Protein backbone atom coordinates (compact mmCIF):
# COMPACT_ATOMS: atom_id res chain seq x y z
CA UNK A 1 -12.88 -28.17 -31.93
CA UNK A 2 -12.97 -25.36 -30.11
CA UNK A 3 -9.81 -24.13 -28.63
CA UNK A 4 -8.64 -24.38 -25.14
CA UNK A 5 -9.57 -20.45 -23.16
CA UNK A 6 -5.99 -19.22 -23.31
CA UNK A 7 -4.55 -19.17 -19.96
CA UNK A 8 -4.08 -16.34 -17.98
CA UNK A 9 0.18 -15.51 -17.04
CA UNK A 10 -0.38 -13.62 -13.89
CA UNK A 11 1.47 -11.22 -12.52
CA UNK A 12 3.96 -9.87 -9.48
CA UNK A 13 4.71 -6.60 -9.46
CA UNK A 14 7.37 -5.32 -7.19
CA UNK A 15 7.46 -1.53 -6.52
CA UNK A 16 11.40 -0.84 -5.17
CA UNK A 17 12.28 2.64 -5.94
CA UNK A 18 16.21 1.70 -5.48
CA UNK A 19 17.24 0.06 -9.64
CA UNK A 20 19.86 -2.55 -8.12
CA UNK A 21 17.40 -3.44 -5.36
CA UNK A 22 14.14 -4.02 -7.28
CA UNK A 23 16.59 -5.30 -10.93
CA UNK A 24 17.94 -8.17 -9.12
CA UNK A 25 14.09 -9.28 -7.09
CA UNK A 26 12.80 -9.13 -10.76
CA UNK A 27 15.53 -11.08 -12.34
CA UNK A 28 15.48 -13.84 -9.28
CA UNK A 29 11.65 -14.31 -9.49
CA UNK A 30 11.47 -14.81 -12.88
CA UNK A 31 14.24 -17.51 -12.46
CA UNK A 32 11.78 -19.04 -10.46
CA UNK A 33 8.69 -18.66 -11.25
CA UNK A 34 9.26 -18.71 -15.28
CA UNK A 35 5.27 -18.93 -15.07
CA UNK A 36 4.72 -15.51 -14.23
CA UNK A 37 4.91 -12.13 -15.33
CA UNK A 38 7.33 -10.15 -13.22
CA UNK A 39 6.72 -6.04 -13.20
CA UNK A 40 9.28 -3.45 -11.80
CA UNK A 41 8.18 -0.09 -10.97
CA UNK A 42 10.01 2.74 -9.24
CA UNK A 43 7.39 4.61 -7.58
CA UNK A 44 3.43 4.96 -5.85
CA UNK A 45 2.70 6.81 -8.90
CA UNK A 46 4.04 4.49 -11.11
CA UNK A 47 2.74 1.82 -9.56
CA UNK A 48 -0.84 3.40 -9.43
CA UNK A 49 -0.84 3.89 -12.89
CA UNK A 50 0.25 0.04 -13.63
CA UNK A 51 -2.67 -1.73 -11.16
CA UNK A 52 -4.87 0.25 -13.61
CA UNK A 53 -3.28 -1.00 -16.70
CA UNK A 54 -2.76 -4.28 -15.53
CA UNK A 55 -5.27 -4.80 -12.76
CA UNK A 56 -6.56 -7.49 -13.13
CA UNK A 57 -3.87 -9.89 -13.81
CA UNK A 58 -1.90 -8.24 -10.93
CA UNK A 59 -1.88 -11.63 -8.22
CA UNK A 60 1.08 -10.20 -5.40
CA UNK A 61 2.58 -6.76 -5.40
CA UNK A 62 6.14 -6.46 -2.91
CA UNK A 63 6.18 -3.17 -1.80
CA UNK A 64 8.54 -1.16 -0.20
CA UNK A 65 7.51 0.62 2.71
CA UNK A 66 9.48 3.91 1.61
CA UNK A 67 8.69 5.33 -1.46
CA UNK A 68 9.95 9.02 -1.90
CA UNK A 69 6.18 10.15 -3.17
CA UNK A 70 4.22 8.28 -0.73
CA UNK A 71 4.03 8.97 3.18
CA UNK A 72 3.56 5.98 6.25
CA UNK A 73 0.89 3.48 4.29
CA UNK A 74 -0.10 5.68 1.97
CA UNK A 75 0.59 3.53 -1.33
CA UNK A 76 -0.58 0.72 0.60
CA UNK A 77 -4.00 2.04 1.47
CA UNK A 78 -4.13 3.14 -2.69
CA UNK A 79 -2.74 0.26 -3.96
CA UNK A 80 -5.40 -1.87 -1.48
CA UNK A 81 -8.67 0.44 -2.85
CA UNK A 82 -6.95 -0.51 -6.94
CA UNK A 83 -6.75 -4.31 -6.84
CA UNK A 84 -8.66 -5.58 -4.02
CA UNK A 85 -7.91 -9.25 -4.85
CA UNK A 86 -4.26 -9.13 -5.09
CA UNK A 87 -1.77 -10.08 -1.92
CA UNK A 88 0.48 -7.26 -0.76
CA UNK A 89 3.45 -7.87 1.01
CA UNK A 90 5.94 -4.79 2.42
CA UNK A 91 9.58 -5.55 1.05
CA UNK A 92 11.29 -3.02 3.81
CA UNK A 93 14.47 -2.43 5.42
CA UNK A 94 12.16 -1.03 8.31
CA UNK A 95 11.28 -4.31 10.80
CA UNK A 96 10.51 -2.40 14.08
CA UNK A 97 7.41 -3.53 16.13
CA UNK A 98 5.12 -1.44 14.70
CA UNK A 99 5.13 -1.46 11.14
CA UNK A 100 5.15 -4.70 10.85
CA UNK A 101 1.77 -4.38 13.32
CA UNK A 102 0.36 -1.58 11.80
CA UNK A 103 1.34 -3.19 8.32
CA UNK A 104 -0.53 -6.55 9.18
CA UNK A 105 -3.39 -4.52 10.60
CA UNK A 106 -3.81 -2.97 7.67
CA UNK A 107 -4.29 -6.06 5.76
CA UNK A 108 -0.97 -7.30 4.22
CA UNK A 109 -0.31 -10.61 3.57
CA UNK A 110 3.14 -10.54 4.65
CA UNK A 111 6.24 -8.18 6.32
CA UNK A 112 9.79 -9.24 5.08
CA UNK A 113 13.02 -7.20 5.85
CA UNK A 114 15.46 -6.69 2.79
CA UNK A 115 18.01 -7.83 4.37
CA UNK A 116 16.83 -11.24 4.20
CA UNK A 117 18.59 -13.41 1.66
CA UNK A 118 16.88 -13.07 -1.35
CA UNK A 119 16.07 -17.39 -1.66
CA UNK A 120 13.92 -16.00 1.55
CA UNK A 121 12.29 -13.09 -0.59
CA UNK A 122 12.18 -15.33 -3.17
CA UNK A 123 10.48 -18.18 -1.43
CA UNK A 124 7.98 -15.90 -0.07
CA UNK A 125 6.76 -14.86 -3.67
CA UNK A 126 5.26 -18.66 -3.65
CA UNK A 127 4.67 -18.52 -0.24
CA UNK A 128 2.02 -15.87 -0.44
CA UNK A 129 0.48 -16.83 -4.22
CA UNK A 130 -0.01 -20.12 -1.81
CA UNK A 131 -1.99 -18.29 0.89
CA UNK A 132 0.17 -18.25 3.32
CA UNK A 133 0.36 -15.68 5.51
CA UNK A 134 4.63 -14.30 6.56
CA UNK A 135 5.22 -12.39 9.28
CA UNK A 136 7.64 -12.26 12.34
CA UNK A 137 6.63 -14.55 14.83
CA UNK A 138 6.56 -11.35 17.45
CA UNK A 139 4.05 -9.59 15.37
CA UNK A 140 0.97 -9.50 16.33
CA UNK A 141 -2.06 -6.92 14.78
CA UNK A 142 -2.90 -4.11 17.00
CA UNK A 143 -7.29 -4.34 16.68
CA UNK A 144 -7.20 -0.79 17.15
CA UNK A 145 -5.23 -0.51 14.06
CA UNK A 146 -7.09 -2.69 12.31
CA UNK A 147 -10.39 -0.67 13.00
CA UNK A 148 -9.41 1.84 12.11
CA UNK A 149 -7.75 0.78 8.76
CA UNK A 150 -11.39 -0.08 8.30
CA UNK A 151 -12.72 3.36 8.62
CA UNK A 152 -9.80 4.81 6.79
CA UNK A 153 -10.56 2.21 3.67
CA UNK A 154 -13.60 3.65 3.28
CA UNK A 155 -12.29 6.96 2.10
CA UNK A 156 -12.92 8.17 -1.71
CA UNK A 157 -9.31 8.90 -3.82
CA UNK A 158 -10.35 12.55 -2.97
CA UNK A 159 -11.30 12.60 0.35
CA UNK A 160 -7.97 10.58 1.12
CA UNK A 161 -5.88 13.50 -1.03
CA UNK A 162 -7.47 16.08 1.39
CA UNK A 163 -6.62 14.19 4.44
CA UNK A 164 -3.08 14.22 3.12
CA UNK A 165 -3.44 17.82 3.23
CA UNK A 166 -4.75 17.37 6.40
CA UNK A 167 -2.38 16.48 8.55
CA UNK A 168 0.26 17.68 6.39
CA UNK A 169 -1.12 21.11 8.62
CA UNK A 170 -3.24 22.86 5.01
CA UNK A 171 -5.76 24.78 5.41
CA UNK A 172 -8.89 24.38 3.64
CA UNK A 173 -7.56 27.03 0.76
CA UNK A 174 -5.12 25.88 0.15
CA UNK A 175 -6.69 22.80 -0.28
CA UNK A 176 -8.34 24.44 -2.82
CA UNK A 177 -6.21 26.30 -4.46
CA UNK A 178 -4.35 22.85 -4.98
CA UNK A 179 -6.80 21.02 -5.97
CA UNK A 180 -8.56 22.66 -7.79
CA UNK A 181 -11.96 22.35 -5.96
CA UNK A 182 -14.04 25.23 -4.25
CA UNK A 183 -13.79 25.89 -0.15
CA UNK A 184 -17.23 24.27 -0.45
CA UNK A 185 -16.38 21.23 -1.78
CA UNK A 186 -13.15 21.26 1.16
CA UNK A 187 -15.31 21.72 3.31
CA UNK A 188 -17.47 18.63 2.35
CA UNK A 189 -14.74 16.38 2.32
CA UNK A 190 -13.86 16.90 5.41
CA UNK A 191 -17.77 16.63 6.61
CA UNK A 192 -17.57 13.56 5.34
CA UNK A 193 -13.69 12.10 5.94
CA UNK A 194 -15.09 13.16 10.19
CA UNK A 195 -17.81 10.54 9.67
CA UNK A 196 -16.09 8.11 8.43
CA UNK A 197 -13.09 7.70 10.27
CA UNK A 198 -15.79 8.72 13.46
CA UNK A 199 -13.78 11.23 14.96
CA UNK A 200 -15.53 15.01 16.10
CA UNK A 201 -13.19 17.39 14.29
CA UNK A 202 -10.12 18.13 12.31
CA UNK A 203 -7.27 17.58 15.55
CA UNK A 204 -9.33 15.15 15.87
CA UNK A 205 -8.72 13.32 12.50
CA UNK A 206 -5.40 14.83 12.11
CA UNK A 207 -4.05 12.51 14.93
CA UNK A 208 -5.61 9.55 14.04
CA UNK A 209 -4.69 9.87 10.52
CA UNK A 210 -0.46 10.87 11.04
CA UNK A 211 1.22 7.92 12.62
CA UNK A 212 -0.36 6.31 8.66
CA UNK A 213 0.31 9.31 6.39
CA UNK A 214 3.43 10.17 7.56
CA UNK A 215 6.73 8.27 6.82
CA UNK A 216 8.30 9.99 10.55
CA UNK A 217 5.52 8.47 11.90
CA UNK A 218 6.12 4.95 11.02
CA UNK A 219 8.60 2.76 12.99
C-alpha cells in the first residue's frame, strides 16, 4: 500500500518593520489558522530572501506599505515578481484614497488599515485565501494606473533598480558606479526602460514612475 502524498502547508508571510505589531499579528494568525505556517520578516530585503526560499509555499503576503528599505510600491512590485501565484494584501497606516486606488490598480487582493481590530485583520486572512477581495467601498482602480502597472511590471530586476536611481535624480555615471556596471550598460537599460514604459525620454519616465517608487508621493 503506497503512502499518501504529504499535504503542503501553506505559508502566510507577514512583512512589517514594527516588531510588536508583527508579533501580535503572527500569534493571532497562528491561533486562528493552525493548519497554516506563518513567516514574519521586518524589511523588504528580508521579504525577498524569504520569498526566494519558500516561494512555492507562500499563499498570502500581508505587506506593510511603509518599510524602511522600500520606497512607494517598490516592495509590492518586487514581491509580485518573485511570487506570481501568491495573494498580496496591504496592511498600512495609510488609508488615503490615492494609496488605496493605486494598490488596487497594482493588483493587490486587499487593502487593510492597521487601525482595524486584530480580529478583522485575522478574518481577512481567510477571506483573501478563499479568493475574496477586500477594499473600502469607495476605492476604485484607476485604469491609467492599471495600464502603467502592466508596463512597470515588465521591467527586469536590473531595469527596476536603474529606474529607482533615475527617480532619485542620479546620472548614468553615478548609477554605473553604484551598480558596478559600465555606462554603456546603463544606457542600454535606460533605452529598454523607455521602450517598456512607452515614453520618449528620461524626464517622462521619471514623472510617470515617481508617484509609484517614492514614499513621499504615495498618499
